[in-house]
Amino acid sequence: MKAKMKRNKILLIHGPNLHLLGTREPQIYGKFTLKDINEELKEKAKQSGLSLEVLQSNSEGEIVEKITNSKYDLLIINPAAYTHTSVAIRDAILAVNKPVIEVHLSNIYKREDFRKKSLISDISIGVITGFGPASYTLAFSAAAHFLKKVL
């Protein structure tokens, strides 16, 4: 009987307004779509032997529910505007005690002052910001590396 290989699961959460990529402020976010990002990461997951579950939500409560009620080994999250405001998302991440990588398309530290404070970064194993869709690719590579080393 062939032994089953453990498939480490990554949960990827895209926060509010990211479903508008491709049309929303292309001078900041580019012309690629969320579908483009998700398809690339799903292919990378398949090639890496990892499982990837994706959620995009504009609802803080839905994001909290997904973080606290899903089975996964590592969370990649772009909390978008909730980065700067959501104690609920921060508390959910702390409650599940899973490794998290925070990701942003734009460099939040080169934007408005209120965007320079993240409620997630100090509880993350790492933050990747400012590389457009490559931020997600880099986050996925970091997640795969972390899972292979730790789990």
Protein backbone atom coordinates (compact mmCIF):
# COMPACT_ATOMS: atom_id res chain seq x y z
CA MET A 1 0.00 0.00 0.00
CA LYS A 2 1.33 3.39 -0.97
CA ALA A 3 1.74 5.87 1.89
CA LYS A 4 -0.17 9.09 1.50
CA MET A 5 2.00 12.16 1.18
CA LYS A 6 0.98 14.95 3.54
CA ARG A 7 -0.30 17.89 1.58
CA ASN A 8 0.37 21.05 3.51
CA LYS A 9 -2.47 23.48 3.09
CA ILE A 10 -2.12 27.21 2.54
CA LEU A 11 -5.09 29.50 3.06
CA LEU A 12 -4.92 32.65 0.93
CA ILE A 13 -7.21 35.53 1.87
CA HIS A 14 -7.69 38.65 -0.22
CA GLY A 15 -9.39 41.51 1.62
CA PRO A 16 -11.82 44.21 0.53
CA ASN A 17 -11.88 45.64 -2.99
CA LEU A 18 -9.25 43.27 -4.35
CA HIS A 19 -11.93 41.74 -6.59
CA LEU A 20 -11.69 45.05 -8.48
CA LEU A 21 -8.07 44.52 -9.56
CA GLY A 22 -7.58 45.31 -13.22
CA THR A 23 -9.92 48.29 -13.08
CA ARG A 24 -9.30 49.82 -9.63
CA GLU A 25 -6.61 52.51 -9.58
CA PRO A 26 -4.40 50.83 -12.21
CA GLN A 27 -1.69 53.45 -11.60
CA ILE A 28 -1.26 51.93 -8.12
CA TYR A 29 -2.35 48.32 -8.54
CA GLY A 30 -1.69 47.59 -12.21
CA LYS A 31 -3.93 46.00 -14.84
CA PHE A 32 -3.73 42.36 -13.75
CA THR A 33 -6.80 40.76 -12.16
CA LEU A 34 -7.34 38.78 -9.00
CA LYS A 35 -8.16 35.82 -11.22
CA ASP A 36 -4.68 36.14 -12.80
CA ILE A 37 -3.04 36.04 -9.37
CA ASN A 38 -5.14 33.13 -8.13
CA GLU A 39 -4.56 31.03 -11.26
CA GLU A 40 -0.79 31.52 -11.04
CA LEU A 41 -0.73 30.57 -7.36
CA LYS A 42 -2.95 27.52 -7.89
CA GLU A 43 -0.52 26.31 -10.56
CA LYS A 44 2.44 26.91 -8.23
CA ALA A 45 0.64 24.99 -5.48
CA LYS A 46 0.02 22.07 -7.81
CA GLN A 47 3.68 22.03 -8.90
CA SER A 48 4.82 22.22 -5.26
CA GLY A 49 2.52 19.48 -4.00
CA LEU A 50 0.73 21.94 -1.74
CA SER A 51 -2.96 22.55 -1.27
CA LEU A 52 -4.25 26.11 -1.73
CA GLU A 53 -7.62 27.47 -0.68
CA VAL A 54 -8.54 31.01 -1.73
CA LEU A 55 -11.06 33.50 -0.38
CA GLN A 56 -11.72 37.08 -1.38
CA SER A 57 -14.11 38.95 0.86
CA ASN A 58 -15.15 42.51 1.49
CA SER A 59 -16.58 41.43 4.85
CA GLU A 60 -14.45 41.55 7.98
CA GLY A 61 -16.69 38.98 9.65
CA GLU A 62 -16.37 36.51 6.78
CA ILE A 63 -12.57 36.86 6.88
CA VAL A 64 -12.56 36.22 10.65
CA GLU A 65 -14.81 33.16 10.18
CA LYS A 66 -12.52 31.75 7.49
CA ILE A 67 -9.38 32.25 9.61
CA THR A 68 -10.90 30.63 12.68
CA ASN A 69 -13.00 27.84 11.11
CA SER A 70 -10.74 26.46 8.35
CA LYS A 71 -8.09 23.77 8.43
CA TYR A 72 -4.75 24.98 7.10
CA ASP A 73 -1.08 25.04 7.99
CA LEU A 74 -0.19 28.60 6.96
CA LEU A 75 -2.11 31.76 6.12
CA ILE A 76 -1.16 34.24 3.41
CA ILE A 77 -3.29 37.34 3.81
CA ASN A 78 -3.67 40.67 2.10
CA PRO A 79 -6.03 42.32 4.56
CA ALA A 80 -6.18 45.40 2.27
CA ALA A 81 -7.83 48.30 4.14
CA TYR A 82 -8.38 46.04 7.17
CA THR A 83 -4.59 45.99 7.60
CA HIS A 84 -4.83 49.33 9.34
CA THR A 85 -8.10 48.93 11.23
CA SER A 86 -9.08 45.38 12.08
CA VAL A 87 -8.41 44.26 15.61
CA ALA A 88 -10.88 41.43 14.89
CA ILE A 89 -8.70 39.97 12.11
CA ARG A 90 -5.60 40.37 14.24
CA ASP A 91 -7.30 38.60 17.16
CA ALA A 92 -8.50 35.78 14.89
CA ILE A 93 -4.94 35.21 13.64
CA LEU A 94 -3.63 35.16 17.21
CA ALA A 95 -6.40 32.79 18.30
CA VAL A 96 -5.57 30.08 15.75
CA ASN A 97 -1.82 30.32 16.34
CA LYS A 98 -0.87 29.52 12.73
CA PRO A 99 2.02 31.09 10.83
CA VAL A 100 0.97 34.05 8.68
CA ILE A 101 2.56 35.99 5.86
CA GLU A 102 1.19 39.47 5.22
CA VAL A 103 1.23 40.58 1.59
CA HIS A 104 0.45 43.84 -0.21
CA LEU A 105 0.56 44.79 -3.87
CA SER A 106 1.65 48.37 -3.23
CA ASN A 107 4.31 49.52 -0.80
CA ILE A 108 2.13 50.62 2.10
CA TYR A 109 5.06 52.55 3.57
CA LYS A 110 5.20 54.84 0.52
CA ARG A 111 1.52 55.75 0.71
CA GLU A 112 -0.67 57.86 2.97
CA ASP A 113 0.34 58.07 6.62
CA PHE A 114 -2.67 56.06 7.83
CA ARG A 115 -1.58 53.13 5.63
CA LYS A 116 1.86 52.93 7.24
CA LYS A 117 0.54 51.17 10.36
CA SER A 118 -0.25 47.47 10.08
CA LEU A 119 -2.06 45.62 12.83
CA ILE A 120 -0.89 42.33 11.29
CA SER A 121 2.82 42.73 10.55
CA ASP A 122 4.12 42.26 14.10
CA ILE A 123 2.35 38.88 14.39
CA SER A 124 3.47 37.70 10.93
CA ILE A 125 6.50 35.58 10.12
CA GLY A 126 7.12 38.03 7.29
CA VAL A 127 5.67 40.88 5.23
CA ILE A 128 6.00 41.28 1.48
CA THR A 129 4.91 44.63 0.11
CA GLY A 130 5.29 46.73 -3.00
CA PHE A 131 6.01 44.23 -5.78
CA GLY A 132 2.59 44.16 -7.45
CA PRO A 133 1.40 40.63 -8.28
CA ALA A 134 4.94 39.36 -7.63
CA SER A 135 4.27 40.10 -3.94
CA TYR A 136 1.92 37.11 -3.96
CA THR A 137 4.41 34.92 -5.85
CA LEU A 138 7.12 35.82 -3.34
CA ALA A 139 4.75 35.15 -0.44
CA PHE A 140 3.84 31.75 -1.87
CA SER A 141 7.51 30.83 -2.33
CA ALA A 142 8.24 31.91 1.24
CA ALA A 143 5.26 29.89 2.50
CA ALA A 144 6.37 26.76 0.63
CA HIS A 145 9.90 27.15 1.98
CA PHE A 146 8.63 27.68 5.53
CA LEU A 147 6.31 24.65 5.39
CA LYS A 148 9.06 22.38 4.11
CA LYS A 149 11.41 23.51 6.89
CA VAL A 150 8.94 23.52 9.76
CA LEU A 151 6.31 20.86 9.07
